[in-house]
Structure formats: C-alpha cells, structure tokens
Amino acid sequence: MVDGRTLVGRIARVVHALRGGDRPGEVRVVVDGIAHYYLAYASTPVPAGAEVLIINNRGGRQVDVEPWPTVAGGEGSR
C-alpha cells in the first residue's frame, strides 16, 4: 500500500472516465515502478486517457484529482 502523502502531487492517467462531482472514475498512478489503481473524484468530467494531478488522498484507495494540462508540440516554450 502506498502512503497517502506519496500520492499527492503525482500525475495519474484516467483509466475509466471521471464523471465529475460525487461520481468517481478510476485512475492509474505508478509509484516506484508499480502501478496502483484508485477511485478518483474531480469537480468536472475528465475523459479516459487524460492526465490528472492528485491533490488529495481520501483514504480507502480514493483520491481527489484535477485535470493536468498537456502542452502539445512544444507550445509555450521559447
């Protein structure tokens, strides 16, 4: 089992879409080379395949997340 403090601040990938509010989805996060799966809650829907930032550990293999922006093709780097 992963310590909750280890999860906060990590990037996870959405496995099953997050429906938003109190309707969870599922995310996969890799810690020390091992994949872990958690029920995840976000304030807005997030599609499967998107990256999210873990912002809180609820315990019981449940986390709160928020969308993680993905920069495409080097945009914004100058």
PDB file of N, CA and C in Angstrom:
ATOM      1  N   MET A   1       0.853  -1.181   0.000  1.00  0.00           N
ATOM      2  CA  MET A   1       0.000   0.000   0.000  1.00  0.00           C
ATOM      3  C   MET A   1       0.898   1.243   0.000  1.00  0.00           C
ATOM      4  N   VAL A   2       0.478   2.246  -0.733  1.00  0.00           N
ATOM      5  CA  VAL A   2       1.232   3.484  -0.868  1.00  0.00           C
ATOM      6  C   VAL A   2       0.772   4.477   0.194  1.00  0.00           C
ATOM      7  N   ASP A   3       1.731   5.119   0.830  1.00  0.00           N
ATOM      8  CA  ASP A   3       1.422   6.173   1.812  1.00  0.00           C
ATOM      9  C   ASP A   3       0.727   7.318   1.083  1.00  0.00           C
ATOM     10  N   GLY A   4      -0.365   7.826   1.644  1.00  0.00           N
ATOM     11  CA  GLY A   4      -1.143   8.893   1.021  1.00  0.00           C
ATOM     12  C   GLY A   4      -0.338  10.126   0.700  1.00  0.00           C
ATOM     13  N   ARG A   5       0.642  10.435   1.532  1.00  0.00           N
ATOM     14  CA  ARG A   5       1.462  11.621   1.270  1.00  0.00           C
ATOM     15  C   ARG A   5       2.303  11.432   0.023  1.00  0.00           C
ATOM     16  N   THR A   6       2.600  10.179  -0.325  1.00  0.00           N
ATOM     17  CA  THR A   6       3.378   9.885  -1.520  1.00  0.00           C
ATOM     18  C   THR A   6       2.563  10.150  -2.781  1.00  0.00           C
ATOM     19  N   LEU A   7       1.247  10.040  -2.677  1.00  0.00           N
ATOM     20  CA  LEU A   7       0.375  10.213  -3.842  1.00  0.00           C
ATOM     21  C   LEU A   7       0.147  11.668  -4.225  1.00  0.00           C
ATOM     22  N   VAL A   8      -0.024  12.527  -3.239  1.00  0.00           N
ATOM     23  CA  VAL A   8      -0.354  13.932  -3.510  1.00  0.00           C
ATOM     24  C   VAL A   8       0.784  14.570  -4.308  1.00  0.00           C
ATOM     25  N   GLY A   9       0.416  15.204  -5.421  1.00  0.00           N
ATOM     26  CA  GLY A   9       1.402  15.848  -6.284  1.00  0.00           C
ATOM     27  C   GLY A   9       1.845  14.977  -7.446  1.00  0.00           C
ATOM     28  N   ARG A  10       1.400  13.742  -7.486  1.00  0.00           N
ATOM     29  CA  ARG A  10       1.759  12.850  -8.595  1.00  0.00           C
ATOM     30  C   ARG A  10       0.766  12.996  -9.741  1.00  0.00           C
ATOM     31  N   ILE A  11       1.244  12.672 -10.931  1.00  0.00           N
ATOM     32  CA  ILE A  11       0.413  12.669 -12.125  1.00  0.00           C
ATOM     33  C   ILE A  11      -0.107  11.248 -12.323  1.00  0.00           C
ATOM     34  N   ALA A  12      -1.399  11.139 -12.611  1.00  0.00           N
ATOM     35  CA  ALA A  12      -2.032   9.848 -12.866  1.00  0.00           C
ATOM     36  C   ALA A  12      -2.715   9.889 -14.226  1.00  0.00           C
ATOM     37  N   ARG A  13      -3.006   8.716 -14.761  1.00  0.00           N
ATOM     38  CA  ARG A  13      -3.729   8.619 -16.031  1.00  0.00           C
ATOM     39  C   ARG A  13      -5.124   8.065 -15.751  1.00  0.00           C
ATOM     40  N   VAL A  14      -6.133   8.688 -16.366  1.00  0.00           N
ATOM     41  CA  VAL A  14      -7.515   8.257 -16.176  1.00  0.00           C
ATOM     42  C   VAL A  14      -7.748   6.957 -16.952  1.00  0.00           C
ATOM     43  N   VAL A  15      -8.204   5.912 -16.245  1.00  0.00           N
ATOM     44  CA  VAL A  15      -8.491   4.613 -16.842  1.00  0.00           C
ATOM     45  C   VAL A  15      -9.965   4.540 -17.235  1.00  0.00           C
ATOM     46  N   HIS A  16     -10.839   4.915 -16.322  1.00  0.00           N
ATOM     47  CA  HIS A  16     -12.278   4.994 -16.570  1.00  0.00           C
ATOM     48  C   HIS A  16     -12.687   6.432 -16.312  1.00  0.00           C
ATOM     49  N   ALA A  17     -13.348   7.053 -17.282  1.00  0.00           N
ATOM     50  CA  ALA A  17     -13.676   8.483 -17.237  1.00  0.00           C
ATOM     51  C   ALA A  17     -14.229   8.925 -15.884  1.00  0.00           C
ATOM     52  N   LEU A  18     -13.777  10.102 -15.449  1.00  0.00           N
ATOM     53  CA  LEU A  18     -14.289  10.721 -14.230  1.00  0.00           C
ATOM     54  C   LEU A  18     -15.531  11.494 -14.631  1.00  0.00           C
ATOM     55  N   ARG A  19     -16.625  11.236 -13.960  1.00  0.00           N
ATOM     56  CA  ARG A  19     -17.904  11.836 -14.354  1.00  0.00           C
ATOM     57  C   ARG A  19     -18.163  13.173 -13.683  1.00  0.00           C
ATOM     58  N   GLY A  20     -17.321  13.554 -12.740  1.00  0.00           N
ATOM     59  CA  GLY A  20     -17.459  14.844 -12.078  1.00  0.00           C
ATOM     60  C   GLY A  20     -18.315  14.782 -10.832  1.00  0.00           C
ATOM     61  N   GLY A  21     -18.057  15.695  -9.904  1.00  0.00           N
ATOM     62  CA  GLY A  21     -18.820  15.756  -8.657  1.00  0.00           C
ATOM     63  C   GLY A  21     -18.610  14.519  -7.805  1.00  0.00           C
ATOM     64  N   ASP A  22     -19.709  13.937  -7.326  1.00  0.00           N
ATOM     65  CA  ASP A  22     -19.602  12.779  -6.436  1.00  0.00           C
ATOM     66  C   ASP A  22     -19.645  11.452  -7.195  1.00  0.00           C
ATOM     67  N   ARG A  23     -19.449  11.503  -8.510  1.00  0.00           N
ATOM     68  CA  ARG A  23     -19.453  10.289  -9.328  1.00  0.00           C
ATOM     69  C   ARG A  23     -18.021   9.993  -9.788  1.00  0.00           C
ATOM     70  N   PRO A  24     -17.379   9.002  -9.180  1.00  0.00           N
ATOM     71  CA  PRO A  24     -15.960   8.755  -9.445  1.00  0.00           C
ATOM     72  C   PRO A  24     -15.696   8.021 -10.747  1.00  0.00           C
ATOM     73  N   GLY A  25     -14.428   8.025 -11.107  1.00  0.00           N
ATOM     74  CA  GLY A  25     -13.888   7.205 -12.180  1.00  0.00           C
ATOM     75  C   GLY A  25     -12.700   6.471 -11.585  1.00  0.00           C
ATOM     76  N   GLU A  26     -11.785   6.041 -12.432  1.00  0.00           N
ATOM     77  CA  GLU A  26     -10.618   5.312 -11.940  1.00  0.00           C
ATOM     78  C   GLU A  26      -9.363   5.866 -12.584  1.00  0.00           C
ATOM     79  N   VAL A  27      -8.296   5.976 -11.782  1.00  0.00           N
ATOM     80  CA  VAL A  27      -7.008   6.432 -12.293  1.00  0.00           C
ATOM     81  C   VAL A  27      -5.931   5.410 -11.966  1.00  0.00           C
ATOM     82  N   ARG A  28      -4.859   5.481 -12.754  1.00  0.00           N
ATOM     83  CA  ARG A  28      -3.686   4.629 -12.561  1.00  0.00           C
ATOM     84  C   ARG A  28      -2.507   5.538 -12.286  1.00  0.00           C
ATOM     85  N   VAL A  29      -1.799   5.261 -11.221  1.00  0.00           N
ATOM     86  CA  VAL A  29      -0.594   6.030 -10.887  1.00  0.00           C
ATOM     87  C   VAL A  29       0.533   5.037 -10.622  1.00  0.00           C
ATOM     88  N   VAL A  30       1.717   5.358 -11.127  1.00  0.00           N
ATOM     89  CA  VAL A  30       2.869   4.483 -10.948  1.00  0.00           C
ATOM     90  C   VAL A  30       3.753   5.061  -9.846  1.00  0.00           C
ATOM     91  N   VAL A  31       4.010   4.250  -8.825  1.00  0.00           N
ATOM     92  CA  VAL A  31       4.873   4.644  -7.709  1.00  0.00           C
ATOM     93  C   VAL A  31       5.959   3.588  -7.577  1.00  0.00           C
ATOM     94  N   ASP A  32       7.202   4.005  -7.662  1.00  0.00           N
ATOM     95  CA  ASP A  32       8.349   3.096  -7.580  1.00  0.00           C
ATOM     96  C   ASP A  32       8.233   1.945  -8.572  1.00  0.00           C
ATOM     97  N   GLY A  33       7.748   2.246  -9.780  1.00  0.00           N
ATOM     98  CA  GLY A  33       7.657   1.258 -10.838  1.00  0.00           C
ATOM     99  C   GLY A  33       6.468   0.312 -10.754  1.00  0.00           C
ATOM    100  N   ILE A  34       5.591   0.522  -9.781  1.00  0.00           N
ATOM    101  CA  ILE A  34       4.425  -0.348  -9.601  1.00  0.00           C
ATOM    102  C   ILE A  34       3.157   0.461  -9.842  1.00  0.00           C
ATOM    103  N   ALA A  35       2.271  -0.081 -10.686  1.00  0.00           N
ATOM    104  CA  ALA A  35       1.011   0.596 -10.987  1.00  0.00           C
ATOM    105  C   ALA A  35       0.010   0.366  -9.859  1.00  0.00           C
ATOM    106  N   HIS A  36      -0.652   1.438  -9.456  1.00  0.00           N
ATOM    107  CA  HIS A  36      -1.693   1.382  -8.427  1.00  0.00           C
ATOM    108  C   HIS A  36      -2.944   2.029  -9.014  1.00  0.00           C
ATOM    109  N   TYR A  37      -4.105   1.489  -8.655  1.00  0.00           N
ATOM    110  CA  TYR A  37      -5.375   1.977  -9.174  1.00  0.00           C
ATOM    111  C   TYR A  37      -6.217   2.531  -8.034  1.00  0.00           C
ATOM    112  N   TYR A  38      -6.851   3.687  -8.279  1.00  0.00           N
ATOM    113  CA  TYR A  38      -7.645   4.369  -7.257  1.00  0.00           C
ATOM    114  C   TYR A  38      -8.957   4.869  -7.841  1.00  0.00           C
ATOM    115  N   LEU A  39     -10.005   4.865  -7.023  1.00  0.00           N
ATOM    116  CA  LEU A  39     -11.215   5.593  -7.384  1.00  0.00           C
ATOM    117  C   LEU A  39     -10.848   7.065  -7.306  1.00  0.00           C
ATOM    118  N   ALA A  40     -11.265   7.837  -8.283  1.00  0.00           N
ATOM    119  CA  ALA A  40     -10.873   9.242  -8.328  1.00  0.00           C
ATOM    120  C   ALA A  40     -12.084  10.138  -8.536  1.00  0.00           C
ATOM    121  N   TYR A  41     -12.043  11.274  -7.871  1.00  0.00           N
ATOM    122  CA  TYR A  41     -13.106  12.268  -7.937  1.00  0.00           C
ATOM    123  C   TYR A  41     -12.532  13.574  -8.464  1.00  0.00           C
ATOM    124  N   ALA A  42     -13.276  14.230  -9.351  1.00  0.00           N
ATOM    125  CA  ALA A  42     -12.894  15.540  -9.876  1.00  0.00           C
ATOM    126  C   ALA A  42     -14.152  16.405  -9.917  1.00  0.00           C
ATOM    127  N   SER A  43     -13.982  17.709  -9.833  1.00  0.00           N
ATOM    128  CA  SER A  43     -15.146  18.601  -9.840  1.00  0.00           C
ATOM    129  C   SER A  43     -15.821  18.645 -11.210  1.00  0.00           C
ATOM    130  N   THR A  44     -15.054  18.380 -12.267  1.00  0.00           N
ATOM    131  CA  THR A  44     -15.597  18.371 -13.624  1.00  0.00           C
ATOM    132  C   THR A  44     -15.255  17.042 -14.295  1.00  0.00           C
ATOM    133  N   PRO A  45     -16.008  16.643 -15.306  1.00  0.00           N
ATOM    134  CA  PRO A  45     -15.699  15.390 -16.007  1.00  0.00           C
ATOM    135  C   PRO A  45     -14.319  15.426 -16.663  1.00  0.00           C
ATOM    136  N   VAL A  46     -13.644  14.262 -16.657  1.00  0.00           N
ATOM    137  CA  VAL A  46     -12.337  14.125 -17.294  1.00  0.00           C
ATOM    138  C   VAL A  46     -12.380  12.820 -18.093  1.00  0.00           C
ATOM    139  N   PRO A  47     -12.034  12.870 -19.387  1.00  0.00           N
ATOM    140  CA  PRO A  47     -12.150  11.665 -20.216  1.00  0.00           C
ATOM    141  C   PRO A  47     -11.045  10.641 -19.932  1.00  0.00           C
ATOM    142  N   ALA A  48     -11.325   9.397 -20.279  1.00  0.00           N
ATOM    143  CA  ALA A  48     -10.323   8.339 -20.171  1.00  0.00           C
ATOM    144  C   ALA A  48      -9.124   8.709 -21.040  1.00  0.00           C
ATOM    145  N   GLY A  49      -7.936   8.397 -20.560  1.00  0.00           N
ATOM    146  CA  GLY A  49      -6.709   8.695 -21.285  1.00  0.00           C
ATOM    147  C   GLY A  49      -6.062  10.006 -20.894  1.00  0.00           C
ATOM    148  N   ALA A  50      -6.809  10.890 -20.250  1.00  0.00           N
ATOM    149  CA  ALA A  50      -6.259  12.194 -19.842  1.00  0.00           C
ATOM    150  C   ALA A  50      -5.371  12.040 -18.617  1.00  0.00           C
ATOM    151  N   GLU A  51      -4.469  12.989 -18.451  1.00  0.00           N
ATOM    152  CA  GLU A  51      -3.639  13.031 -17.251  1.00  0.00           C
ATOM    153  C   GLU A  51      -4.285  13.944 -16.226  1.00  0.00           C
ATOM    154  N   VAL A  52      -4.130  13.577 -14.945  1.00  0.00           N
ATOM    155  CA  VAL A  52      -4.665  14.367 -13.845  1.00  0.00           C
ATOM    156  C   VAL A  52      -3.618  14.474 -12.749  1.00  0.00           C
ATOM    157  N   LEU A  53      -3.751  15.496 -11.935  1.00  0.00           N
ATOM    158  CA  LEU A  53      -2.879  15.721 -10.786  1.00  0.00           C
ATOM    159  C   LEU A  53      -3.623  15.288  -9.527  1.00  0.00           C
ATOM    160  N   ILE A  54      -3.007  14.452  -8.717  1.00  0.00           N
ATOM    161  CA  ILE A  54      -3.616  14.033  -7.454  1.00  0.00           C
ATOM    162  C   ILE A  54      -3.421  15.158  -6.445  1.00  0.00           C
ATOM    163  N   ILE A  55      -4.537  15.673  -5.905  1.00  0.00           N
ATOM    164  CA  ILE A  55      -4.468  16.811  -4.988  1.00  0.00           C
ATOM    165  C   ILE A  55      -4.843  16.447  -3.560  1.00  0.00           C
ATOM    166  N   ASN A  56      -5.442  15.258  -3.353  1.00  0.00           N
ATOM    167  CA  ASN A  56      -5.847  14.858  -2.006  1.00  0.00           C
ATOM    168  C   ASN A  56      -6.029  13.347  -1.966  1.00  0.00           C
ATOM    169  N   ASN A  57      -5.656  12.749  -0.842  1.00  0.00           N
ATOM    170  CA  ASN A  57      -5.892  11.328  -0.620  1.00  0.00           C
ATOM    171  C   ASN A  57      -7.030  11.205   0.379  1.00  0.00           C
ATOM    172  N   ARG A  58      -8.136  10.588  -0.023  1.00  0.00           N
ATOM    173  CA  ARG A  58      -9.296  10.411   0.856  1.00  0.00           C
ATOM    174  C   ARG A  58      -9.150   9.178   1.745  1.00  0.00           C
ATOM    175  N   GLY A  59      -8.164   8.345   1.484  1.00  0.00           N
ATOM    176  CA  GLY A  59      -8.043   7.074   2.186  1.00  0.00           C
ATOM    177  C   GLY A  59      -8.911   6.038   1.499  1.00  0.00           C
ATOM    178  N   GLY A  60      -8.734   4.788   1.851  1.00  0.00           N
ATOM    179  CA  GLY A  60      -9.545   3.730   1.259  1.00  0.00           C
ATOM    180  C   GLY A  60      -9.407   3.631  -0.245  1.00  0.00           C
ATOM    181  N   ARG A  61      -8.213   3.910  -0.781  1.00  0.00           N
ATOM    182  CA  ARG A  61      -7.928   3.871  -2.217  1.00  0.00           C
ATOM    183  C   ARG A  61      -8.810   4.834  -3.016  1.00  0.00           C
ATOM    184  N   GLN A  62      -9.034   6.016  -2.451  1.00  0.00           N
ATOM    185  CA  GLN A  62      -9.800   7.066  -3.121  1.00  0.00           C
ATOM    186  C   GLN A  62      -9.007   8.363  -3.080  1.00  0.00           C
ATOM    187  N   VAL A  63      -8.988   9.063  -4.212  1.00  0.00           N
ATOM    188  CA  VAL A  63      -8.241  10.317  -4.310  1.00  0.00           C
ATOM    189  C   VAL A  63      -9.079  11.387  -4.991  1.00  0.00           C
ATOM    190  N   ASP A  64      -8.703  12.643  -4.756  1.00  0.00           N
ATOM    191  CA  ASP A  64      -9.272  13.783  -5.469  1.00  0.00           C
ATOM    192  C   ASP A  64      -8.226  14.229  -6.477  1.00  0.00           C
ATOM    193  N   VAL A  65      -8.685  14.569  -7.680  1.00  0.00           N
ATOM    194  CA  VAL A  65      -7.768  14.965  -8.743  1.00  0.00           C
ATOM    195  C   VAL A  65      -8.287  16.212  -9.453  1.00  0.00           C
ATOM    196  N   GLU A  66      -7.401  16.815 -10.225  1.00  0.00           N
ATOM    197  CA  GLU A  66      -7.813  17.905 -11.115  1.00  0.00           C
ATOM    198  C   GLU A  66      -7.097  17.703 -12.437  1.00  0.00           C
ATOM    199  N   PRO A  67      -7.702  18.169 -13.538  1.00  0.00           N
ATOM    200  CA  PRO A  67      -7.082  17.984 -14.856  1.00  0.00           C
ATOM    201  C   PRO A  67      -5.671  18.553 -14.878  1.00  0.00           C
ATOM    202  N   TRP A  68      -4.787  17.846 -15.549  1.00  0.00           N
ATOM    203  CA  TRP A  68      -3.406  18.273 -15.698  1.00  0.00           C
ATOM    204  C   TRP A  68      -3.221  18.737 -17.132  1.00  0.00           C
ATOM    205  N   PRO A  69      -2.840  19.996 -17.327  1.00  0.00           N
ATOM    206  CA  PRO A  69      -2.693  20.486 -18.705  1.00  0.00           C
ATOM    207  C   PRO A  69      -1.560  19.776 -19.440  1.00  0.00           C
ATOM    208  N   THR A  70      -1.839  19.435 -20.673  1.00  0.00           N
ATOM    209  CA  THR A  70      -0.833  18.816 -21.527  1.00  0.00           C
ATOM    210  C   THR A  70      -0.430  19.832 -22.577  1.00  0.00           C
ATOM    211  N   VAL A  71       0.870  20.073 -22.685  1.00  0.00           N
ATOM    212  CA  VAL A  71       1.374  21.030 -23.681  1.00  0.00           C
ATOM    213  C   VAL A  71       1.682  20.248 -24.948  1.00  0.00           C
ATOM    214  N   ALA A  72       1.035  20.603 -26.034  1.00  0.00           N
ATOM    215  CA  ALA A  72       1.198  19.892 -27.293  1.00  0.00           C
ATOM    216  C   ALA A  72       2.291  20.523 -28.156  1.00  0.00           C
ATOM    217  N   GLY A  73       3.148  19.693 -28.706  1.00  0.00           N
ATOM    218  CA  GLY A  73       4.126  20.115 -29.701  1.00  0.00           C
ATOM    219  C   GLY A  73       5.023  21.267 -29.302  1.00  0.00           C
ATOM    220  N   GLY A  74       5.353  21.395 -28.035  1.00  0.00           N
ATOM    221  CA  GLY A  74       6.284  22.410 -27.603  1.00  0.00           C
ATOM    222  C   GLY A  74       5.692  23.811 -27.511  1.00  0.00           C
ATOM    223  N   GLU A  75       4.369  23.926 -27.571  1.00  0.00           N
ATOM    224  CA  GLU A  75       3.761  25.241 -27.432  1.00  0.00           C
ATOM    225  C   GLU A  75       4.149  25.858 -26.099  1.00  0.00           C
ATOM    226  N   GLY A  76       4.358  27.122 -26.088  1.00  0.00           N
ATOM    227  CA  GLY A  76       4.651  27.825 -24.857  1.00  0.00           C
ATOM    228  C   GLY A  76       6.125  27.819 -24.480  1.00  0.00           C
ATOM    229  N   SER A  77       6.957  27.067 -25.188  1.00  0.00           N
ATOM    230  CA  SER A  77       8.383  27.067 -24.868  1.00  0.00           C
ATOM    231  C   SER A  77       9.104  28.013 -25.832  1.00  0.00           C
ATOM    232  N   ARG A  78       9.788  28.967 -25.259  1.00  0.00           N
ATOM    233  CA  ARG A  78      10.524  29.940 -26.080  1.00  0.00           C
ATOM    234  C   ARG A  78      11.883  30.154 -25.523  1.00  0.00           C
TER     235      ARG A  78
END
